[in-house]
Amino acid sequence: MLVHVVLIKWNDKITEETFAAITENFSKLPTAIPQIKCYEFGPNVGIIKDGADYALVAKFDNAIDLKAYIEHPAHQEFMTQYSTRYIHAFESVQFELSIKK
C-alpha cells in the first residue's frame, strides 16, 4: 500500500467560509476517484506549535493509482479552484506502508 501525505500552510486570503468549502470538497474526492483506498484530512489541532495548518493522508494500492488520483479531473479541478489562491506552501511525501510484527 502506498501512503501519500500532504502538509499545507494557508495564506492570509483563507477565510472560515473558504476553509469550510475546501474541507467539503476534499470529502467529495473519494467518491469521484475510485483509486483512493483511504482518505483522511483535517486542520492542525495545535498540540505541537509551528507545524502545518492542515494535513491530508491518502492511501492507494500502488503508484499507478496515486498517479491516476493526481491526474483525475476532480482532483485537478480542486487544485485549480483552491490551491493557487489559498495555499502558501505545501510539502508532500509518499511511502510504502509496511507492517512489521
PDB file of N, CA and C in Angstrom:
ATOM      1  N   MET A   1       0.850  -1.173   0.000  1.00  0.00           N
ATOM      2  CA  MET A   1       0.000   0.000   0.000  1.00  0.00           C
ATOM      3  C   MET A   1       0.896   1.236   0.000  1.00  0.00           C
ATOM      4  N   LEU A   2       0.528   2.218  -0.798  1.00  0.00           N
ATOM      5  CA  LEU A   2       1.275   3.469  -0.904  1.00  0.00           C
ATOM      6  C   LEU A   2       0.525   4.563  -0.149  1.00  0.00           C
ATOM      7  N   VAL A   3       1.252   5.272   0.729  1.00  0.00           N
ATOM      8  CA  VAL A   3       0.663   6.353   1.521  1.00  0.00           C
ATOM      9  C   VAL A   3       1.167   7.690   0.975  1.00  0.00           C
ATOM     10  N   HIS A   4       0.235   8.612   0.789  1.00  0.00           N
ATOM     11  CA  HIS A   4       0.514   9.957   0.274  1.00  0.00           C
ATOM     12  C   HIS A   4       0.129  10.942   1.375  1.00  0.00           C
ATOM     13  N   VAL A   5       1.106  11.717   1.853  1.00  0.00           N
ATOM     14  CA  VAL A   5       0.882  12.675   2.935  1.00  0.00           C
ATOM     15  C   VAL A   5       1.142  14.079   2.404  1.00  0.00           C
ATOM     16  N   VAL A   6       0.211  14.985   2.658  1.00  0.00           N
ATOM     17  CA  VAL A   6       0.354  16.385   2.247  1.00  0.00           C
ATOM     18  C   VAL A   6       0.178  17.267   3.479  1.00  0.00           C
ATOM     19  N   LEU A   7       1.105  18.189   3.686  1.00  0.00           N
ATOM     20  CA  LEU A   7       1.026  19.174   4.765  1.00  0.00           C
ATOM     21  C   LEU A   7       0.897  20.555   4.128  1.00  0.00           C
ATOM     22  N   ILE A   8      -0.096  21.320   4.570  1.00  0.00           N
ATOM     23  CA  ILE A   8      -0.445  22.591   3.937  1.00  0.00           C
ATOM     24  C   ILE A   8      -0.314  23.748   4.920  1.00  0.00           C
ATOM     25  N   LYS A   9       0.218  24.855   4.428  1.00  0.00           N
ATOM     26  CA  LYS A   9       0.201  26.146   5.135  1.00  0.00           C
ATOM     27  C   LYS A   9      -0.691  27.065   4.313  1.00  0.00           C
ATOM     28  N   TRP A  10      -1.739  27.603   4.915  1.00  0.00           N
ATOM     29  CA  TRP A  10      -2.647  28.511   4.203  1.00  0.00           C
ATOM     30  C   TRP A  10      -2.041  29.906   4.132  1.00  0.00           C
ATOM     31  N   ASN A  11      -2.447  30.664   3.119  1.00  0.00           N
ATOM     32  CA  ASN A  11      -2.035  32.066   3.046  1.00  0.00           C
ATOM     33  C   ASN A  11      -3.044  32.936   3.786  1.00  0.00           C
ATOM     34  N   ASP A  12      -2.834  34.240   3.785  1.00  0.00           N
ATOM     35  CA  ASP A  12      -3.712  35.144   4.546  1.00  0.00           C
ATOM     36  C   ASP A  12      -5.044  35.415   3.846  1.00  0.00           C
ATOM     37  N   LYS A  13      -5.279  34.849   2.676  1.00  0.00           N
ATOM     38  CA  LYS A  13      -6.557  35.021   1.972  1.00  0.00           C
ATOM     39  C   LYS A  13      -7.613  34.013   2.418  1.00  0.00           C
ATOM     40  N   ILE A  14      -7.222  33.005   3.181  1.00  0.00           N
ATOM     41  CA  ILE A  14      -8.175  31.969   3.588  1.00  0.00           C
ATOM     42  C   ILE A  14      -9.157  32.553   4.605  1.00  0.00           C
ATOM     43  N   THR A  15     -10.420  32.221   4.424  1.00  0.00           N
ATOM     44  CA  THR A  15     -11.467  32.643   5.352  1.00  0.00           C
ATOM     45  C   THR A  15     -12.133  31.391   5.918  1.00  0.00           C
ATOM     46  N   GLU A  16     -12.937  31.558   6.945  1.00  0.00           N
ATOM     47  CA  GLU A  16     -13.672  30.426   7.517  1.00  0.00           C
ATOM     48  C   GLU A  16     -14.559  29.778   6.450  1.00  0.00           C
ATOM     49  N   GLU A  17     -15.182  30.612   5.639  1.00  0.00           N
ATOM     50  CA  GLU A  17     -16.066  30.126   4.573  1.00  0.00           C
ATOM     51  C   GLU A  17     -15.288  29.296   3.546  1.00  0.00           C
ATOM     52  N   THR A  18     -14.148  29.811   3.132  1.00  0.00           N
ATOM     53  CA  THR A  18     -13.310  29.098   2.165  1.00  0.00           C
ATOM     54  C   THR A  18     -12.785  27.804   2.778  1.00  0.00           C
ATOM     55  N   PHE A  19     -12.363  27.859   4.019  1.00  0.00           N
ATOM     56  CA  PHE A  19     -11.867  26.683   4.714  1.00  0.00           C
ATOM     57  C   PHE A  19     -12.938  25.591   4.755  1.00  0.00           C
ATOM     58  N   ALA A  20     -14.167  25.966   5.054  1.00  0.00           N
ATOM     59  CA  ALA A  20     -15.281  25.006   5.081  1.00  0.00           C
ATOM     60  C   ALA A  20     -15.515  24.407   3.692  1.00  0.00           C
ATOM     61  N   ALA A  21     -15.421  25.235   2.656  1.00  0.00           N
ATOM     62  CA  ALA A  21     -15.608  24.750   1.284  1.00  0.00           C
ATOM     63  C   ALA A  21     -14.489  23.788   0.884  1.00  0.00           C
ATOM     64  N   ILE A  22     -13.282  24.082   1.279  1.00  0.00           N
ATOM     65  CA  ILE A  22     -12.150  23.200   0.972  1.00  0.00           C
ATOM     66  C   ILE A  22     -12.357  21.845   1.632  1.00  0.00           C
ATOM     67  N   THR A  23     -12.710  21.847   2.900  1.00  0.00           N
ATOM     68  CA  THR A  23     -12.944  20.603   3.617  1.00  0.00           C
ATOM     69  C   THR A  23     -14.091  19.813   2.987  1.00  0.00           C
ATOM     70  N   GLU A  24     -15.161  20.495   2.635  1.00  0.00           N
ATOM     71  CA  GLU A  24     -16.296  19.830   1.981  1.00  0.00           C
ATOM     72  C   GLU A  24     -15.874  19.212   0.649  1.00  0.00           C
ATOM     73  N   ASN A  25     -15.080  19.934  -0.120  1.00  0.00           N
ATOM     74  CA  ASN A  25     -14.652  19.424  -1.419  1.00  0.00           C
ATOM     75  C   ASN A  25     -13.622  18.303  -1.287  1.00  0.00           C
ATOM     76  N   PHE A  26     -12.773  18.344  -0.272  1.00  0.00           N
ATOM     77  CA  PHE A  26     -11.885  17.210  -0.011  1.00  0.00           C
ATOM     78  C   PHE A  26     -12.722  15.944   0.212  1.00  0.00           C
ATOM     79  N   SER A  27     -13.823  16.091   0.967  1.00  0.00           N
ATOM     80  CA  SER A  27     -14.636  14.922   1.306  1.00  0.00           C
ATOM     81  C   SER A  27     -15.321  14.298   0.091  1.00  0.00           C
ATOM     82  N   LYS A  28     -15.443  15.036  -1.002  1.00  0.00           N
ATOM     83  CA  LYS A  28     -16.075  14.517  -2.215  1.00  0.00           C
ATOM     84  C   LYS A  28     -15.124  13.705  -3.092  1.00  0.00           C
ATOM     85  N   LEU A  29     -13.831  13.906  -2.945  1.00  0.00           N
ATOM     86  CA  LEU A  29     -12.874  13.262  -3.840  1.00  0.00           C
ATOM     87  C   LEU A  29     -12.879  11.729  -3.779  1.00  0.00           C
ATOM     88  N   PRO A  30     -13.005  11.091  -2.608  1.00  0.00           N
ATOM     89  CA  PRO A  30     -13.015   9.622  -2.614  1.00  0.00           C
ATOM     90  C   PRO A  30     -14.172   9.013  -3.405  1.00  0.00           C
ATOM     91  N   THR A  31     -15.293   9.682  -3.451  1.00  0.00           N
ATOM     92  CA  THR A  31     -16.425   9.193  -4.237  1.00  0.00           C
ATOM     93  C   THR A  31     -16.146   9.328  -5.733  1.00  0.00           C
ATOM     94  N   ALA A  32     -15.473  10.386  -6.100  1.00  0.00           N
ATOM     95  CA  ALA A  32     -15.191  10.667  -7.510  1.00  0.00           C
ATOM     96  C   ALA A  32     -13.997   9.878  -8.052  1.00  0.00           C
ATOM     97  N   ILE A  33     -13.097   9.476  -7.169  1.00  0.00           N
ATOM     98  CA  ILE A  33     -11.844   8.846  -7.609  1.00  0.00           C
ATOM     99  C   ILE A  33     -11.740   7.459  -6.974  1.00  0.00           C
ATOM    100  N   PRO A  34     -12.070   6.424  -7.725  1.00  0.00           N
ATOM    101  CA  PRO A  34     -12.131   5.072  -7.143  1.00  0.00           C
ATOM    102  C   PRO A  34     -10.781   4.506  -6.695  1.00  0.00           C
ATOM    103  N   GLN A  35      -9.678   5.061  -7.139  1.00  0.00           N
ATOM    104  CA  GLN A  35      -8.361   4.553  -6.746  1.00  0.00           C
ATOM    105  C   GLN A  35      -8.027   4.849  -5.279  1.00  0.00           C
ATOM    106  N   ILE A  36      -8.722   5.808  -4.678  1.00  0.00           N
ATOM    107  CA  ILE A  36      -8.472   6.154  -3.276  1.00  0.00           C
ATOM    108  C   ILE A  36      -8.982   5.029  -2.382  1.00  0.00           C
ATOM    109  N   LYS A  37      -8.110   4.483  -1.551  1.00  0.00           N
ATOM    110  CA  LYS A  37      -8.487   3.416  -0.615  1.00  0.00           C
ATOM    111  C   LYS A  37      -8.821   3.973   0.765  1.00  0.00           C
ATOM    112  N   CYS A  38      -8.161   5.034   1.148  1.00  0.00           N
ATOM    113  CA  CYS A  38      -8.381   5.680   2.437  1.00  0.00           C
ATOM    114  C   CYS A  38      -8.060   7.160   2.258  1.00  0.00           C
ATOM    115  N   TYR A  39      -8.869   8.040   2.851  1.00  0.00           N
ATOM    116  CA  TYR A  39      -8.682   9.473   2.657  1.00  0.00           C
ATOM    117  C   TYR A  39      -9.049  10.174   3.957  1.00  0.00           C
ATOM    118  N   GLU A  40      -8.056  10.709   4.628  1.00  0.00           N
ATOM    119  CA  GLU A  40      -8.263  11.391   5.901  1.00  0.00           C
ATOM    120  C   GLU A  40      -7.597  12.752   5.850  1.00  0.00           C
ATOM    121  N   PHE A  41      -8.241  13.745   6.439  1.00  0.00           N
ATOM    122  CA  PHE A  41      -7.708  15.106   6.368  1.00  0.00           C
ATOM    123  C   PHE A  41      -8.312  15.945   7.487  1.00  0.00           C
ATOM    124  N   GLY A  42      -7.632  17.056   7.789  1.00  0.00           N
ATOM    125  CA  GLY A  42      -8.172  17.962   8.782  1.00  0.00           C
ATOM    126  C   GLY A  42      -7.160  18.999   9.222  1.00  0.00           C
ATOM    127  N   PRO A  43      -7.641  19.965  10.001  1.00  0.00           N
ATOM    128  CA  PRO A  43      -6.764  21.037  10.475  1.00  0.00           C
ATOM    129  C   PRO A  43      -5.861  20.576  11.609  1.00  0.00           C
ATOM    130  N   ASN A  44      -4.742  21.252  11.740  1.00  0.00           N
ATOM    131  CA  ASN A  44      -3.822  21.019  12.847  1.00  0.00           C
ATOM    132  C   ASN A  44      -4.536  21.387  14.145  1.00  0.00           C
ATOM    133  N   VAL A  45      -4.508  20.492  15.113  1.00  0.00           N
ATOM    134  CA  VAL A  45      -5.152  20.781  16.392  1.00  0.00           C
ATOM    135  C   VAL A  45      -4.230  21.551  17.344  1.00  0.00           C
ATOM    136  N   GLY A  46      -2.991  21.787  16.939  1.00  0.00           N
ATOM    137  CA  GLY A  46      -2.110  22.700  17.662  1.00  0.00           C
ATOM    138  C   GLY A  46      -1.397  22.144  18.869  1.00  0.00           C
ATOM    139  N   ILE A  47      -1.296  20.849  19.005  1.00  0.00           N
ATOM    140  CA  ILE A  47      -0.596  20.278  20.157  1.00  0.00           C
ATOM    141  C   ILE A  47       0.883  20.638  20.109  1.00  0.00           C
ATOM    142  N   ILE A  48       1.476  20.521  18.928  1.00  0.00           N
ATOM    143  CA  ILE A  48       2.868  20.923  18.731  1.00  0.00           C
ATOM    144  C   ILE A  48       2.858  22.183  17.875  1.00  0.00           C
ATOM    145  N   LYS A  49       3.415  23.254  18.361  1.00  0.00           N
ATOM    146  CA  LYS A  49       3.375  24.550  17.674  1.00  0.00           C
ATOM    147  C   LYS A  49       4.286  24.578  16.453  1.00  0.00           C
ATOM    148  N   ASP A  50       4.035  25.543  15.577  1.00  0.00           N
ATOM    149  CA  ASP A  50       4.849  25.806  14.389  1.00  0.00           C
ATOM    150  C   ASP A  50       4.786  24.701  13.339  1.00  0.00           C
ATOM    151  N   GLY A  51       3.709  23.968  13.319  1.00  0.00           N
ATOM    152  CA  GLY A  51       3.544  22.941  12.295  1.00  0.00           C
ATOM    153  C   GLY A  51       2.724  23.467  11.138  1.00  0.00           C
ATOM    154  N   ALA A  52       2.341  22.574  10.266  1.00  0.00           N
ATOM    155  CA  ALA A  52       1.471  22.919   9.146  1.00  0.00           C
ATOM    156  C   ALA A  52       0.081  23.260   9.678  1.00  0.00           C
ATOM    157  N   ASP A  53      -0.722  23.890   8.826  1.00  0.00           N
ATOM    158  CA  ASP A  53      -2.087  24.258   9.201  1.00  0.00           C
ATOM    159  C   ASP A  53      -3.080  23.122   8.969  1.00  0.00           C
ATOM    160  N   TYR A  54      -2.749  22.230   8.036  1.00  0.00           N
ATOM    161  CA  TYR A  54      -3.712  21.233   7.590  1.00  0.00           C
ATOM    162  C   TYR A  54      -2.946  20.027   7.067  1.00  0.00           C
ATOM    163  N   ALA A  55      -3.521  18.845   7.215  1.00  0.00           N
ATOM    164  CA  ALA A  55      -2.873  17.631   6.717  1.00  0.00           C
ATOM    165  C   ALA A  55      -3.869  16.762   5.966  1.00  0.00           C
ATOM    166  N   LEU A  56      -3.344  16.030   4.998  1.00  0.00           N
ATOM    167  CA  LEU A  56      -4.127  15.061   4.251  1.00  0.00           C
ATOM    168  C   LEU A  56      -3.301  13.787   4.141  1.00  0.00           C
ATOM    169  N   VAL A  57      -3.943  12.652   4.416  1.00  0.00           N
ATOM    170  CA  VAL A  57      -3.306  11.357   4.264  1.00  0.00           C
ATOM    171  C   VAL A  57      -4.210  10.509   3.382  1.00  0.00           C
ATOM    172  N   ALA A  58      -3.647  10.017   2.291  1.00  0.00           N
ATOM    173  CA  ALA A  58      -4.411   9.176   1.365  1.00  0.00           C
ATOM    174  C   ALA A  58      -3.636   7.890   1.129  1.00  0.00           C
ATOM    175  N   LYS A  59      -4.375   6.800   0.945  1.00  0.00           N
ATOM    176  CA  LYS A  59      -3.736   5.513   0.684  1.00  0.00           C
ATOM    177  C   LYS A  59      -4.209   4.967  -0.655  1.00  0.00           C
ATOM    178  N   PHE A  60      -3.261   4.358  -1.362  1.00  0.00           N
ATOM    179  CA  PHE A  60      -3.509   3.794  -2.693  1.00  0.00           C
ATOM    180  C   PHE A  60      -2.858   2.421  -2.770  1.00  0.00           C
ATOM    181  N   ASP A  61      -3.360   1.584  -3.654  1.00  0.00           N
ATOM    182  CA  ASP A  61      -2.767   0.262  -3.821  1.00  0.00           C
ATOM    183  C   ASP A  61      -1.343   0.330  -4.362  1.00  0.00           C
ATOM    184  N   ASN A  62      -1.080   1.343  -5.213  1.00  0.00           N
ATOM    185  CA  ASN A  62       0.229   1.415  -5.864  1.00  0.00           C
ATOM    186  C   ASN A  62       0.454   2.806  -6.462  1.00  0.00           C
ATOM    187  N   ALA A  63       1.626   3.008  -7.032  1.00  0.00           N
ATOM    188  CA  ALA A  63       1.989   4.305  -7.615  1.00  0.00           C
ATOM    189  C   ALA A  63       1.125   4.653  -8.824  1.00  0.00           C
ATOM    190  N   ILE A  64       0.688   3.663  -9.561  1.00  0.00           N
ATOM    191  CA  ILE A  64      -0.182   3.910 -10.721  1.00  0.00           C
ATOM    192  C   ILE A  64      -1.498   4.531 -10.257  1.00  0.00           C
ATOM    193  N   ASP A  65      -2.054   4.019  -9.162  1.00  0.00           N
ATOM    194  CA  ASP A  65      -3.299   4.568  -8.634  1.00  0.00           C
ATOM    195  C   ASP A  65      -3.096   5.977  -8.077  1.00  0.00           C
ATOM    196  N   LEU A  66      -1.955   6.230  -7.444  1.00  0.00           N
ATOM    197  CA  LEU A  66      -1.660   7.591  -6.970  1.00  0.00           C
ATOM    198  C   LEU A  66      -1.591   8.556  -8.147  1.00  0.00           C
ATOM    199  N   LYS A  67      -0.924   8.141  -9.204  1.00  0.00           N
ATOM    200  CA  LYS A  67      -0.826   8.995 -10.389  1.00  0.00           C
ATOM    201  C   LYS A  67      -2.214   9.245 -10.991  1.00  0.00           C
ATOM    202  N   ALA A  68      -3.067   8.224 -11.019  1.00  0.00           N
ATOM    203  CA  ALA A  68      -4.431   8.382 -11.530  1.00  0.00           C
ATOM    204  C   ALA A  68      -5.198   9.409 -10.689  1.00  0.00           C
ATOM    205  N   TYR A  69      -5.009   9.375  -9.370  1.00  0.00           N
ATOM    206  CA  TYR A  69      -5.626  10.354  -8.468  1.00  0.00           C
ATOM    207  C   TYR A  69      -5.141  11.767  -8.785  1.00  0.00           C
ATOM    208  N   ILE A  70      -3.835  11.923  -8.906  1.00  0.00           N
ATOM    209  CA  ILE A  70      -3.259  13.246  -9.171  1.00  0.00           C
ATOM    210  C   ILE A  70      -3.767  13.816 -10.486  1.00  0.00           C
ATOM    211  N   GLU A  71      -3.900  12.968 -11.491  1.00  0.00           N
ATOM    212  CA  GLU A  71      -4.321  13.417 -12.821  1.00  0.00           C
ATOM    213  C   GLU A  71      -5.830  13.426 -13.018  1.00  0.00           C
ATOM    214  N   HIS A  72      -6.580  12.901 -12.075  1.00  0.00           N
ATOM    215  CA  HIS A  72      -8.038  12.813 -12.221  1.00  0.00           C
ATOM    216  C   HIS A  72      -8.650  14.219 -12.344  1.00  0.00           C
ATOM    217  N   PRO A  73      -9.628  14.394 -13.240  1.00  0.00           N
ATOM    218  CA  PRO A  73     -10.252  15.717 -13.417  1.00  0.00           C
ATOM    219  C   PRO A  73     -10.823  16.310 -12.129  1.00  0.00           C
ATOM    220  N   ALA A  74     -11.375  15.492 -11.241  1.00  0.00           N
ATOM    221  CA  ALA A  74     -11.928  16.027  -9.983  1.00  0.00           C
ATOM    222  C   ALA A  74     -10.824  16.602  -9.104  1.00  0.00           C
ATOM    223  N   HIS A  75      -9.680  15.933  -9.058  1.00  0.00           N
ATOM    224  CA  HIS A  75      -8.543  16.435  -8.279  1.00  0.00           C
ATOM    225  C   HIS A  75      -7.966  17.687  -8.932  1.00  0.00           C
ATOM    226  N   GLN A  76      -7.826  17.653 -10.238  1.00  0.00           N
ATOM    227  CA  GLN A  76      -7.292  18.809 -10.961  1.00  0.00           C
ATOM    228  C   GLN A  76      -8.187  20.043 -10.776  1.00  0.00           C
ATOM    229  N   GLU A  77      -9.498  19.834 -10.825  1.00  0.00           N
ATOM    230  CA  GLU A  77     -10.432  20.951 -10.620  1.00  0.00           C
ATOM    231  C   GLU A  77     -10.295  21.511  -9.203  1.00  0.00           C
ATOM    232  N   PHE A  78     -10.192  20.616  -8.222  1.00  0.00           N
ATOM    233  CA  PHE A  78      -9.999  21.047  -6.839  1.00  0.00           C
ATOM    234  C   PHE A  78      -8.733  21.881  -6.710  1.00  0.00           C
ATOM    235  N   MET A  79      -7.642  21.394  -7.281  1.00  0.00           N
ATOM    236  CA  MET A  79      -6.371  22.112  -7.205  1.00  0.00           C
ATOM    237  C   MET A  79      -6.455  23.473  -7.887  1.00  0.00           C
ATOM    238  N   THR A  80      -7.089  23.531  -9.034  1.00  0.00           N
ATOM    239  CA  THR A  80      -7.228  24.802  -9.748  1.00  0.00           C
ATOM    240  C   THR A  80      -8.058  25.793  -8.948  1.00  0.00           C
ATOM    241  N   GLN A  81      -9.141  25.300  -8.352  1.00  0.00           N
ATOM    242  CA  GLN A  81     -10.046  26.183  -7.623  1.00  0.00           C
ATOM    243  C   GLN A  81      -9.447  26.702  -6.321  1.00  0.00           C
ATOM    244  N   TYR A  82      -8.668  25.871  -5.615  1.00  0.00           N
ATOM    245  CA  TYR A  82      -8.239  26.252  -4.274  1.00  0.00           C
ATOM    246  C   TYR A  82      -6.739  26.440  -4.081  1.00  0.00           C
ATOM    247  N   SER A  83      -5.925  25.600  -4.681  1.00  0.00           N
ATOM    248  CA  SER A  83      -4.517  25.602  -4.290  1.00  0.00           C
ATOM    249  C   SER A  83      -3.785  26.883  -4.642  1.00  0.00           C
ATOM    250  N   THR A  84      -3.985  27.390  -5.835  1.00  0.00           N
ATOM    251  CA  THR A  84      -3.233  28.582  -6.222  1.00  0.00           C
ATOM    252  C   THR A  84      -3.693  29.826  -5.478  1.00  0.00           C
ATOM    253  N   ARG A  85      -4.916  29.826  -5.011  1.00  0.00           N
ATOM    254  CA  ARG A  85      -5.444  31.009  -4.312  1.00  0.00           C
ATOM    255  C   ARG A  85      -5.156  31.016  -2.815  1.00  0.00           C
ATOM    256  N   TYR A  86      -5.159  29.835  -2.195  1.00  0.00           N
ATOM    257  CA  TYR A  86      -5.173  29.796  -0.732  1.00  0.00           C
ATOM    258  C   TYR A  86      -4.005  29.068  -0.076  1.00  0.00           C
ATOM    259  N   ILE A  87      -3.230  28.341  -0.848  1.00  0.00           N
ATOM    260  CA  ILE A  87      -2.106  27.621  -0.249  1.00  0.00           C
ATOM    261  C   ILE A  87      -0.841  28.464  -0.355  1.00  0.00           C
ATOM    262  N   HIS A  88      -0.266  28.748   0.793  1.00  0.00           N
ATOM    263  CA  HIS A  88       1.005  29.483   0.834  1.00  0.00           C
ATOM    264  C   HIS A  88       2.151  28.530   0.498  1.00  0.00           C
ATOM    265  N   ALA A  89       2.116  27.345   1.108  1.00  0.00           N
ATOM    266  CA  ALA A  89       3.169  26.357   0.874  1.00  0.00           C
ATOM    267  C   ALA A  89       2.628  24.979   1.224  1.00  0.00           C
ATOM    268  N   PHE A  90       3.216  23.967   0.599  1.00  0.00           N
ATOM    269  CA  PHE A  90       2.872  22.603   0.979  1.00  0.00           C
ATOM    270  C   PHE A  90       4.050  21.680   0.744  1.00  0.00           C
ATOM    271  N   GLU A  91       4.037  20.604   1.462  1.00  0.00           N
ATOM    272  CA  GLU A  91       5.030  19.537   1.322  1.00  0.00           C
ATOM    273  C   GLU A  91       4.252  18.248   1.111  1.00  0.00           C
ATOM    274  N   SER A  92       4.826  17.354   0.362  1.00  0.00           N
ATOM    275  CA  SER A  92       4.213  16.041   0.238  1.00  0.00           C
ATOM    276  C   SER A  92       5.293  14.973   0.297  1.00  0.00           C
ATOM    277  N   VAL A  93       4.879  13.807   0.731  1.00  0.00           N
ATOM    278  CA  VAL A  93       5.766  12.657   0.785  1.00  0.00           C
ATOM    279  C   VAL A  93       4.924  11.420   0.507  1.00  0.00           C
ATOM    280  N   GLN A  94       5.551  10.456  -0.127  1.00  0.00           N
ATOM    281  CA  GLN A  94       4.892   9.192  -0.385  1.00  0.00           C
ATOM    282  C   GLN A  94       5.799   8.095   0.174  1.00  0.00           C
ATOM    283  N   PHE A  95       5.184   7.071   0.767  1.00  0.00           N
ATOM    284  CA  PHE A  95       5.973   5.956   1.265  1.00  0.00           C
ATOM    285  C   PHE A  95       5.158   4.675   1.199  1.00  0.00           C
ATOM    286  N   GLU A  96       5.881   3.570   1.115  1.00  0.00           N
ATOM    287  CA  GLU A  96       5.248   2.257   1.126  1.00  0.00           C
ATOM    288  C   GLU A  96       4.919   1.905   2.559  1.00  0.00           C
ATOM    289  N   LEU A  97       3.696   1.520   2.793  1.00  0.00           N
ATOM    290  CA  LEU A  97       3.263   1.114   4.126  1.00  0.00           C
ATOM    291  C   LEU A  97       3.765  -0.302   4.385  1.00  0.00           C
ATOM    292  N   SER A  98       4.480  -0.448   5.456  1.00  0.00           N
ATOM    293  CA  SER A  98       4.968  -1.779   5.819  1.00  0.00           C
ATOM    294  C   SER A  98       4.554  -2.063   7.249  1.00  0.00           C
ATOM    295  N   ILE A  99       4.068  -3.237   7.449  1.00  0.00           N
ATOM    296  CA  ILE A  99       3.646  -3.645   8.790  1.00  0.00           C
ATOM    297  C   ILE A  99       4.596  -4.727   9.257  1.00  0.00           C
ATOM    298  N   LYS A 100       5.248  -4.467  10.366  1.00  0.00           N
ATOM    299  CA  LYS A 100       6.190  -5.443  10.927  1.00  0.00           C
ATOM    300  C   LYS A 100       5.608  -5.986  12.207  1.00  0.00           C
ATOM    301  N   LYS A 101       5.715  -7.286  12.360  1.00  0.00           N
ATOM    302  CA  LYS A 101       5.197  -7.929  13.586  1.00  0.00           C
ATOM    303  C   LYS A 101       6.326  -8.351  14.468  1.00  0.00           C
TER     304      LYS A 101
END
